[in-house]
Amino acid sequence: MAAIRAWIDRAGRFRSLGDGQVDFASIFSKMAQYDFAGWAVLEWECAIKHPEDGAREGAEFIKSHIIRVTEKAFDDFASSGTDSAANRKMLGLG
């Protein structure tokens, strides 16, 4: 038990995802923003939580934070394209 206690009291020790102070929502947002195409992988080594619980919770945490990126611009809801002649006419440039 002394070895476990040493890990629990160690500064900077691993915490299960969501139990610590890391802003994972921001990290996953940046991954989406920059088109990160790699894997989101958890290397789990918590000295407190049971490994099976950590693996299950970690997989659910990652899945819930992955952002599905849209294929089109946010303001292209109608996919209407542009009509240069109609735009010029509306602006009186006809």
PDB file of N, CA and C in Angstrom:
ATOM      1  N   MET A   1       0.816  -1.195   0.000  1.00  0.00           N
ATOM      2  CA  MET A   1       0.000   0.000   0.000  1.00  0.00           C
ATOM      3  C   MET A   1       0.861   1.261   0.000  1.00  0.00           C
ATOM      4  N   ALA A   2       2.055   1.192   0.545  1.00  0.00           N
ATOM      5  CA  ALA A   2       2.946   2.359   0.584  1.00  0.00           C
ATOM      6  C   ALA A   2       3.318   2.814  -0.816  1.00  0.00           C
ATOM      7  N   ALA A   3       3.514   1.861  -1.741  1.00  0.00           N
ATOM      8  CA  ALA A   3       3.867   2.218  -3.124  1.00  0.00           C
ATOM      9  C   ALA A   3       2.717   2.962  -3.799  1.00  0.00           C
ATOM     10  N   ILE A   4       1.495   2.501  -3.559  1.00  0.00           N
ATOM     11  CA  ILE A   4       0.328   3.177  -4.133  1.00  0.00           C
ATOM     12  C   ILE A   4       0.195   4.575  -3.529  1.00  0.00           C
ATOM     13  N   ARG A   5       0.398   4.679  -2.218  1.00  0.00           N
ATOM     14  CA  ARG A   5       0.299   5.976  -1.549  1.00  0.00           C
ATOM     15  C   ARG A   5       1.297   6.972  -2.145  1.00  0.00           C
ATOM     16  N   ALA A   6       2.513   6.483  -2.452  1.00  0.00           N
ATOM     17  CA  ALA A   6       3.531   7.353  -3.038  1.00  0.00           C
ATOM     18  C   ALA A   6       3.061   7.904  -4.383  1.00  0.00           C
ATOM     19  N   TRP A   7       2.402   7.087  -5.207  1.00  0.00           N
ATOM     20  CA  TRP A   7       1.905   7.542  -6.494  1.00  0.00           C
ATOM     21  C   TRP A   7       0.746   8.519  -6.327  1.00  0.00           C
ATOM     22  N   ILE A   8      -0.125   8.242  -5.358  1.00  0.00           N
ATOM     23  CA  ILE A   8      -1.285   9.107  -5.138  1.00  0.00           C
ATOM     24  C   ILE A   8      -0.845  10.508  -4.713  1.00  0.00           C
ATOM     25  N   ASP A   9       0.200  10.592  -3.883  1.00  0.00           N
ATOM     26  CA  ASP A   9       0.664  11.872  -3.360  1.00  0.00           C
ATOM     27  C   ASP A   9       1.663  12.581  -4.269  1.00  0.00           C
ATOM     28  N   ARG A  10       2.074  11.945  -5.354  1.00  0.00           N
ATOM     29  CA  ARG A  10       3.094  12.508  -6.247  1.00  0.00           C
ATOM     30  C   ARG A  10       2.554  13.726  -6.997  1.00  0.00           C
ATOM     31  N   ALA A  11       3.337  14.759  -7.075  1.00  0.00           N
ATOM     32  CA  ALA A  11       2.945  15.958  -7.829  1.00  0.00           C
ATOM     33  C   ALA A  11       2.894  15.625  -9.323  1.00  0.00           C
ATOM     34  N   GLY A  12       1.905  16.148 -10.009  1.00  0.00           N
ATOM     35  CA  GLY A  12       1.811  15.956 -11.458  1.00  0.00           C
ATOM     36  C   GLY A  12       1.413  14.558 -11.873  1.00  0.00           C
ATOM     37  N   ARG A  13       0.805  13.795 -10.989  1.00  0.00           N
ATOM     38  CA  ARG A  13       0.425  12.428 -11.349  1.00  0.00           C
ATOM     39  C   ARG A  13      -0.751  12.445 -12.323  1.00  0.00           C
ATOM     40  N   PHE A  14      -0.912  11.351 -13.032  1.00  0.00           N
ATOM     41  CA  PHE A  14      -1.989  11.207 -14.005  1.00  0.00           C
ATOM     42  C   PHE A  14      -3.333  11.199 -13.290  1.00  0.00           C
ATOM     43  N   ARG A  15      -4.327  11.820 -13.905  1.00  0.00           N
ATOM     44  CA  ARG A  15      -5.712  11.740 -13.450  1.00  0.00           C
ATOM     45  C   ARG A  15      -6.541  11.222 -14.606  1.00  0.00           C
ATOM     46  N   SER A  16      -7.589  10.493 -14.308  1.00  0.00           N
ATOM     47  CA  SER A  16      -8.480  10.018 -15.351  1.00  0.00           C
ATOM     48  C   SER A  16      -9.064  11.212 -16.088  1.00  0.00           C
ATOM     49  N   LEU A  17      -9.393  11.023 -17.361  1.00  0.00           N
ATOM     50  CA  LEU A  17      -9.924  12.112 -18.174  1.00  0.00           C
ATOM     51  C   LEU A  17     -11.142  12.742 -17.509  1.00  0.00           C
ATOM     52  N   GLY A  18     -11.113  14.053 -17.400  1.00  0.00           N
ATOM     53  CA  GLY A  18     -12.204  14.788 -16.790  1.00  0.00           C
ATOM     54  C   GLY A  18     -12.059  14.970 -15.293  1.00  0.00           C
ATOM     55  N   ASP A  19     -11.138  14.235 -14.653  1.00  0.00           N
ATOM     56  CA  ASP A  19     -10.932  14.353 -13.205  1.00  0.00           C
ATOM     57  C   ASP A  19      -9.889  15.410 -12.862  1.00  0.00           C
ATOM     58  N   GLY A  20      -9.128  15.861 -13.837  1.00  0.00           N
ATOM     59  CA  GLY A  20      -8.051  16.810 -13.585  1.00  0.00           C
ATOM     60  C   GLY A  20      -8.404  18.216 -14.031  1.00  0.00           C
ATOM     61  N   GLN A  21      -7.384  18.986 -14.404  1.00  0.00           N
ATOM     62  CA  GLN A  21      -7.572  20.401 -14.720  1.00  0.00           C
ATOM     63  C   GLN A  21      -7.373  20.728 -16.206  1.00  0.00           C
ATOM     64  N   VAL A  22      -7.240  19.734 -17.051  1.00  0.00           N
ATOM     65  CA  VAL A  22      -7.008  19.970 -18.477  1.00  0.00           C
ATOM     66  C   VAL A  22      -8.332  20.318 -19.167  1.00  0.00           C
ATOM     67  N   ASP A  23      -8.313  21.342 -20.022  1.00  0.00           N
ATOM     68  CA  ASP A  23      -9.492  21.779 -20.770  1.00  0.00           C
ATOM     69  C   ASP A  23      -9.587  20.956 -22.066  1.00  0.00           C
ATOM     70  N   PHE A  24     -10.140  19.753 -21.960  1.00  0.00           N
ATOM     71  CA  PHE A  24     -10.206  18.866 -23.115  1.00  0.00           C
ATOM     72  C   PHE A  24     -11.147  19.377 -24.199  1.00  0.00           C
ATOM     73  N   ALA A  25     -12.196  20.088 -23.837  1.00  0.00           N
ATOM     74  CA  ALA A  25     -13.104  20.635 -24.859  1.00  0.00           C
ATOM     75  C   ALA A  25     -12.330  21.554 -25.799  1.00  0.00           C
ATOM     76  N   SER A  26     -11.454  22.368 -25.244  1.00  0.00           N
ATOM     77  CA  SER A  26     -10.637  23.270 -26.058  1.00  0.00           C
ATOM     78  C   SER A  26      -9.653  22.489 -26.937  1.00  0.00           C
ATOM     79  N   ILE A  27      -9.071  21.444 -26.383  1.00  0.00           N
ATOM     80  CA  ILE A  27      -8.121  20.630 -27.149  1.00  0.00           C
ATOM     81  C   ILE A  27      -8.813  19.971 -28.338  1.00  0.00           C
ATOM     82  N   PHE A  28      -9.976  19.373 -28.103  1.00  0.00           N
ATOM     83  CA  PHE A  28     -10.692  18.717 -29.200  1.00  0.00           C
ATOM     84  C   PHE A  28     -11.197  19.741 -30.218  1.00  0.00           C
ATOM     85  N   SER A  29     -11.546  20.949 -29.771  1.00  0.00           N
ATOM     86  CA  SER A  29     -11.938  22.011 -30.709  1.00  0.00           C
ATOM     87  C   SER A  29     -10.772  22.369 -31.625  1.00  0.00           C
ATOM     88  N   LYS A  30      -9.576  22.488 -31.059  1.00  0.00           N
ATOM     89  CA  LYS A  30      -8.385  22.804 -31.875  1.00  0.00           C
ATOM     90  C   LYS A  30      -8.084  21.671 -32.847  1.00  0.00           C
ATOM     91  N   MET A  31      -8.252  20.437 -32.409  1.00  0.00           N
ATOM     92  CA  MET A  31      -8.021  19.304 -33.311  1.00  0.00           C
ATOM     93  C   MET A  31      -8.963  19.381 -34.510  1.00  0.00           C
ATOM     94  N   ALA A  32     -10.219  19.740 -34.258  1.00  0.00           N
ATOM     95  CA  ALA A  32     -11.192  19.880 -35.351  1.00  0.00           C
ATOM     96  C   ALA A  32     -10.857  21.089 -36.219  1.00  0.00           C
ATOM     97  N   GLN A  33     -10.509  22.199 -35.583  1.00  0.00           N
ATOM     98  CA  GLN A  33     -10.198  23.434 -36.311  1.00  0.00           C
ATOM     99  C   GLN A  33      -9.057  23.236 -37.294  1.00  0.00           C
ATOM    100  N   TYR A  34      -8.055  22.462 -36.909  1.00  0.00           N
ATOM    101  CA  TYR A  34      -6.870  22.274 -37.754  1.00  0.00           C
ATOM    102  C   TYR A  34      -6.884  20.955 -38.514  1.00  0.00           C
ATOM    103  N   ASP A  35      -8.076  20.363 -38.654  1.00  0.00           N
ATOM    104  CA  ASP A  35      -8.266  19.134 -39.445  1.00  0.00           C
ATOM    105  C   ASP A  35      -7.320  18.010 -39.027  1.00  0.00           C
ATOM    106  N   PHE A  36      -7.138  17.814 -37.724  1.00  0.00           N
ATOM    107  CA  PHE A  36      -6.297  16.728 -37.229  1.00  0.00           C
ATOM    108  C   PHE A  36      -6.889  15.402 -37.695  1.00  0.00           C
ATOM    109  N   ALA A  37      -6.101  14.612 -38.407  1.00  0.00           N
ATOM    110  CA  ALA A  37      -6.596  13.369 -38.990  1.00  0.00           C
ATOM    111  C   ALA A  37      -6.106  12.139 -38.228  1.00  0.00           C
ATOM    112  N   GLY A  38      -5.393  12.340 -37.139  1.00  0.00           N
ATOM    113  CA  GLY A  38      -4.854  11.213 -36.381  1.00  0.00           C
ATOM    114  C   GLY A  38      -5.854  10.647 -35.390  1.00  0.00           C
ATOM    115  N   TRP A  39      -5.359   9.774 -34.556  1.00  0.00           N
ATOM    116  CA  TRP A  39      -6.178   9.118 -33.546  1.00  0.00           C
ATOM    117  C   TRP A  39      -6.172   9.921 -32.254  1.00  0.00           C
ATOM    118  N   ALA A  40      -7.256   9.888 -31.513  1.00  0.00           N
ATOM    119  CA  ALA A  40      -7.300  10.391 -30.141  1.00  0.00           C
ATOM    120  C   ALA A  40      -7.096   9.165 -29.250  1.00  0.00           C
ATOM    121  N   VAL A  41      -5.949   9.083 -28.613  1.00  0.00           N
ATOM    122  CA  VAL A  41      -5.567   7.892 -27.854  1.00  0.00           C
ATOM    123  C   VAL A  41      -5.322   8.268 -26.399  1.00  0.00           C
ATOM    124  N   LEU A  42      -5.764   7.425 -25.497  1.00  0.00           N
ATOM    125  CA  LEU A  42      -5.550   7.624 -24.071  1.00  0.00           C
ATOM    126  C   LEU A  42      -4.533   6.612 -23.556  1.00  0.00           C
ATOM    127  N   GLU A  43      -3.443   7.112 -22.982  1.00  0.00           N
ATOM    128  CA  GLU A  43      -2.520   6.243 -22.248  1.00  0.00           C
ATOM    129  C   GLU A  43      -2.882   6.422 -20.788  1.00  0.00           C
ATOM    130  N   TRP A  44      -3.499   5.413 -20.194  1.00  0.00           N
ATOM    131  CA  TRP A  44      -4.097   5.530 -18.879  1.00  0.00           C
ATOM    132  C   TRP A  44      -3.198   4.924 -17.812  1.00  0.00           C
ATOM    133  N   GLU A  45      -2.921   5.677 -16.747  1.00  0.00           N
ATOM    134  CA  GLU A  45      -2.076   5.166 -15.668  1.00  0.00           C
ATOM    135  C   GLU A  45      -2.446   5.765 -14.322  1.00  0.00           C
ATOM    136  N   CYS A  46      -3.722   5.794 -14.008  1.00  0.00           N
ATOM    137  CA  CYS A  46      -4.201   6.369 -12.753  1.00  0.00           C
ATOM    138  C   CYS A  46      -3.871   5.437 -11.584  1.00  0.00           C
ATOM    139  N   ALA A  47      -3.349   6.007 -10.500  1.00  0.00           N
ATOM    140  CA  ALA A  47      -2.970   5.221  -9.321  1.00  0.00           C
ATOM    141  C   ALA A  47      -4.157   4.958  -8.400  1.00  0.00           C
ATOM    142  N   ILE A  48      -5.305   5.562  -8.705  1.00  0.00           N
ATOM    143  CA  ILE A  48      -6.467   5.425  -7.823  1.00  0.00           C
ATOM    144  C   ILE A  48      -7.531   4.517  -8.436  1.00  0.00           C
ATOM    145  N   LYS A  49      -7.914   4.817  -9.659  1.00  0.00           N
ATOM    146  CA  LYS A  49      -9.059   4.153 -10.283  1.00  0.00           C
ATOM    147  C   LYS A  49      -8.666   2.792 -10.881  1.00  0.00           C
ATOM    148  N   HIS A  50      -9.586   1.841 -10.832  1.00  0.00           N
ATOM    149  CA  HIS A  50      -9.361   0.514 -11.416  1.00  0.00           C
ATOM    150  C   HIS A  50      -9.165   0.654 -12.925  1.00  0.00           C
ATOM    151  N   PRO A  51      -8.217  -0.083 -13.510  1.00  0.00           N
ATOM    152  CA  PRO A  51      -7.918   0.063 -14.939  1.00  0.00           C
ATOM    153  C   PRO A  51      -9.110  -0.187 -15.868  1.00  0.00           C
ATOM    154  N   GLU A  52      -9.975  -1.160 -15.545  1.00  0.00           N
ATOM    155  CA  GLU A  52     -11.125  -1.424 -16.412  1.00  0.00           C
ATOM    156  C   GLU A  52     -12.102  -0.249 -16.395  1.00  0.00           C
ATOM    157  N   ASP A  53     -12.276   0.363 -15.231  1.00  0.00           N
ATOM    158  CA  ASP A  53     -13.147   1.540 -15.141  1.00  0.00           C
ATOM    159  C   ASP A  53     -12.527   2.703 -15.908  1.00  0.00           C
ATOM    160  N   GLY A  54     -11.216   2.878 -15.759  1.00  0.00           N
ATOM    161  CA  GLY A  54     -10.517   3.951 -16.465  1.00  0.00           C
ATOM    162  C   GLY A  54     -10.607   3.793 -17.976  1.00  0.00           C
ATOM    163  N   ALA A  55     -10.459   2.555 -18.461  1.00  0.00           N
ATOM    164  CA  ALA A  55     -10.538   2.313 -19.908  1.00  0.00           C
ATOM    165  C   ALA A  55     -11.940   2.595 -20.436  1.00  0.00           C
ATOM    166  N   ARG A  56     -12.950   2.110 -19.721  1.00  0.00           N
ATOM    167  CA  ARG A  56     -14.339   2.327 -20.147  1.00  0.00           C
ATOM    168  C   ARG A  56     -14.677   3.815 -20.136  1.00  0.00           C
ATOM    169  N   GLU A  57     -14.358   4.483 -19.034  1.00  0.00           N
ATOM    170  CA  GLU A  57     -14.650   5.912 -18.921  1.00  0.00           C
ATOM    171  C   GLU A  57     -13.846   6.730 -19.924  1.00  0.00           C
ATOM    172  N   GLY A  58     -12.586   6.349 -20.147  1.00  0.00           N
ATOM    173  CA  GLY A  58     -11.739   7.068 -21.102  1.00  0.00           C
ATOM    174  C   GLY A  58     -12.282   6.977 -22.517  1.00  0.00           C
ATOM    175  N   ALA A  59     -12.723   5.773 -22.916  1.00  0.00           N
ATOM    176  CA  ALA A  59     -13.278   5.594 -24.262  1.00  0.00           C
ATOM    177  C   ALA A  59     -14.543   6.425 -24.442  1.00  0.00           C
ATOM    178  N   GLU A  60     -15.407   6.435 -23.426  1.00  0.00           N
ATOM    179  CA  GLU A  60     -16.642   7.232 -23.494  1.00  0.00           C
ATOM    180  C   GLU A  60     -16.324   8.733 -23.528  1.00  0.00           C
ATOM    181  N   PHE A  61     -15.336   9.138 -22.737  1.00  0.00           N
ATOM    182  CA  PHE A  61     -14.950  10.553 -22.680  1.00  0.00           C
ATOM    183  C   PHE A  61     -14.439  11.029 -24.038  1.00  0.00           C
ATOM    184  N   ILE A  62     -13.541  10.251 -24.634  1.00  0.00           N
ATOM    185  CA  ILE A  62     -12.995  10.627 -25.943  1.00  0.00           C
ATOM    186  C   ILE A  62     -14.113  10.676 -26.985  1.00  0.00           C
ATOM    187  N   LYS A  63     -14.958   9.646 -27.006  1.00  0.00           N
ATOM    188  CA  LYS A  63     -16.054   9.606 -27.979  1.00  0.00           C
ATOM    189  C   LYS A  63     -16.973  10.821 -27.841  1.00  0.00           C
ATOM    190  N   SER A  64     -17.231  11.247 -26.612  1.00  0.00           N
ATOM    191  CA  SER A  64     -18.147  12.373 -26.409  1.00  0.00           C
ATOM    192  C   SER A  64     -17.504  13.720 -26.737  1.00  0.00           C
ATOM    193  N   HIS A  65     -16.182  13.773 -26.835  1.00  0.00           N
ATOM    194  CA  HIS A  65     -15.501  15.039 -27.128  1.00  0.00           C
ATOM    195  C   HIS A  65     -15.085  15.198 -28.595  1.00  0.00           C
ATOM    196  N   ILE A  66     -15.121  14.127 -29.363  1.00  0.00           N
ATOM    197  CA  ILE A  66     -14.729  14.239 -30.770  1.00  0.00           C
ATOM    198  C   ILE A  66     -15.781  15.071 -31.514  1.00  0.00           C
ATOM    199  N   ILE A  67     -15.312  16.022 -32.283  1.00  0.00           N
ATOM    200  CA  ILE A  67     -16.195  16.940 -33.008  1.00  0.00           C
ATOM    201  C   ILE A  67     -16.258  16.525 -34.476  1.00  0.00           C
ATOM    202  N   ARG A  68     -17.449  16.236 -34.943  1.00  0.00           N
ATOM    203  CA  ARG A  68     -17.631  15.920 -36.359  1.00  0.00           C
ATOM    204  C   ARG A  68     -17.658  17.234 -37.126  1.00  0.00           C
ATOM    205  N   VAL A  69     -16.707  17.407 -38.023  1.00  0.00           N
ATOM    206  CA  VAL A  69     -16.547  18.660 -38.752  1.00  0.00           C
ATOM    207  C   VAL A  69     -17.479  18.681 -39.960  1.00  0.00           C
ATOM    208  N   THR A  70     -18.119  19.826 -40.181  1.00  0.00           N
ATOM    209  CA  THR A  70     -19.030  19.978 -41.306  1.00  0.00           C
ATOM    210  C   THR A  70     -18.266  20.022 -42.625  1.00  0.00           C
ATOM    211  N   GLU A  71     -18.943  19.647 -43.685  1.00  0.00           N
ATOM    212  CA  GLU A  71     -18.329  19.638 -45.014  1.00  0.00           C
ATOM    213  C   GLU A  71     -18.516  20.962 -45.748  1.00  0.00           C
ATOM    214  N   LYS A  72     -19.386  21.854 -45.225  1.00  0.00           N
ATOM    215  CA  LYS A  72     -19.645  23.106 -45.932  1.00  0.00           C
ATOM    216  C   LYS A  72     -19.620  24.275 -44.957  1.00  0.00           C
ATOM    217  N   ALA A  73     -19.589  25.464 -45.496  1.00  0.00           N
ATOM    218  CA  ALA A  73     -19.545  26.672 -44.686  1.00  0.00           C
ATOM    219  C   ALA A  73     -20.829  26.810 -43.864  1.00  0.00           C
ATOM    220  N   PHE A  74     -20.725  27.398 -42.675  1.00  0.00           N
ATOM    221  CA  PHE A  74     -21.883  27.521 -41.791  1.00  0.00           C
ATOM    222  C   PHE A  74     -23.015  28.333 -42.413  1.00  0.00           C
ATOM    223  N   ASP A  75     -22.687  29.266 -43.304  1.00  0.00           N
ATOM    224  CA  ASP A  75     -23.721  30.118 -43.886  1.00  0.00           C
ATOM    225  C   ASP A  75     -24.196  29.613 -45.246  1.00  0.00           C
ATOM    226  N   ASP A  76     -23.801  28.422 -45.624  1.00  0.00           N
ATOM    227  CA  ASP A  76     -24.227  27.840 -46.897  1.00  0.00           C
ATOM    228  C   ASP A  76     -25.369  26.850 -46.647  1.00  0.00           C
ATOM    229  N   PHE A  77     -26.351  27.267 -45.848  1.00  0.00           N
ATOM    230  CA  PHE A  77     -27.438  26.377 -45.467  1.00  0.00           C
ATOM    231  C   PHE A  77     -28.356  26.028 -46.626  1.00  0.00           C
ATOM    232  N   ALA A  78     -28.429  26.873 -47.623  1.00  0.00           N
ATOM    233  CA  ALA A  78     -29.340  26.624 -48.736  1.00  0.00           C
ATOM    234  C   ALA A  78     -28.631  26.035 -49.946  1.00  0.00           C
ATOM    235  N   SER A  79     -27.328  26.072 -49.960  1.00  0.00           N
ATOM    236  CA  SER A  79     -26.550  25.589 -51.112  1.00  0.00           C
ATOM    237  C   SER A  79     -27.089  26.162 -52.413  1.00  0.00           C
ATOM    238  N   SER A  80     -27.425  27.429 -52.375  1.00  0.00           N
ATOM    239  CA  SER A  80     -28.077  28.038 -53.537  1.00  0.00           C
ATOM    240  C   SER A  80     -27.104  28.534 -54.593  1.00  0.00           C
ATOM    241  N   GLY A  81     -25.833  28.644 -54.222  1.00  0.00           N
ATOM    242  CA  GLY A  81     -24.870  29.154 -55.186  1.00  0.00           C
ATOM    243  C   GLY A  81     -25.058  30.660 -55.352  1.00  0.00           C
ATOM    244  N   THR A  82     -24.473  31.209 -56.397  1.00  0.00           N
ATOM    245  CA  THR A  82     -24.606  32.650 -56.641  1.00  0.00           C
ATOM    246  C   THR A  82     -25.109  32.887 -58.060  1.00  0.00           C
ATOM    247  N   ASP A  83     -25.826  33.970 -58.196  1.00  0.00           N
ATOM    248  CA  ASP A  83     -26.318  34.391 -59.504  1.00  0.00           C
ATOM    249  C   ASP A  83     -25.798  35.807 -59.723  1.00  0.00           C
ATOM    250  N   SER A  84     -24.664  35.916 -60.388  1.00  0.00           N
ATOM    251  CA  SER A  84     -24.007  37.214 -60.578  1.00  0.00           C
ATOM    252  C   SER A  84     -24.908  38.223 -61.275  1.00  0.00           C
ATOM    253  N   ALA A  85     -25.674  37.773 -62.276  1.00  0.00           N
ATOM    254  CA  ALA A  85     -26.557  38.692 -63.005  1.00  0.00           C
ATOM    255  C   ALA A  85     -27.642  39.238 -62.076  1.00  0.00           C
ATOM    256  N   ALA A  86     -28.247  38.384 -61.250  1.00  0.00           N
ATOM    257  CA  ALA A  86     -29.294  38.830 -60.327  1.00  0.00           C
ATOM    258  C   ALA A  86     -28.703  39.765 -59.272  1.00  0.00           C
ATOM    259  N   ASN A  87     -27.512  39.448 -58.787  1.00  0.00           N
ATOM    260  CA  ASN A  87     -26.856  40.312 -57.788  1.00  0.00           C
ATOM    261  C   ASN A  87     -26.581  41.698 -58.373  1.00  0.00           C
ATOM    262  N   ARG A  88     -26.075  41.749 -59.598  1.00  0.00           N
ATOM    263  CA  ARG A  88     -25.781  43.038 -60.246  1.00  0.00           C
ATOM    264  C   ARG A  88     -27.078  43.840 -60.451  1.00  0.00           C
ATOM    265  N   LYS A  89     -28.143  43.147 -60.836  1.00  0.00           N
ATOM    266  CA  LYS A  89     -29.422  43.821 -61.069  1.00  0.00           C
ATOM    267  C   LYS A  89     -29.959  44.412 -59.757  1.00  0.00           C
ATOM    268  N   MET A  90     -29.883  43.622 -58.635  1.00  0.00           N
ATOM    269  CA  MET A  90     -30.362  44.111 -57.341  1.00  0.00           C
ATOM    270  C   MET A  90     -29.553  45.315 -56.848  1.00  0.00           C
ATOM    271  N   LEU A  91     -28.295  45.359 -57.213  1.00  0.00           N
ATOM    272  CA  LEU A  91     -27.443  46.459 -56.797  1.00  0.00           C
ATOM    273  C   LEU A  91     -27.491  47.652 -57.762  1.00  0.00           C
ATOM    274  N   GLY A  92     -28.289  47.520 -58.799  1.00  0.00           N
ATOM    275  CA  GLY A  92     -28.435  48.596 -59.777  1.00  0.00           C
ATOM    276  C   GLY A  92     -27.221  48.719 -60.695  1.00  0.00           C
ATOM    277  N   LEU A  93     -26.500  47.627 -60.851  1.00  0.00           N
ATOM    278  CA  LEU A  93     -25.304  47.644 -61.705  1.00  0.00           C
ATOM    279  C   LEU A  93     -25.590  47.006 -63.055  1.00  0.00           C
ATOM    280  N   GLY A  94     -26.828  46.618 -63.278  1.00  0.00           N
ATOM    281  CA  GLY A  94     -27.300  45.899 -64.417  1.00  0.00           C
ATOM    282  C   GLY A  94     -26.781  46.180 -65.710  1.00  0.00           C
TER     283      GLY A  94
END
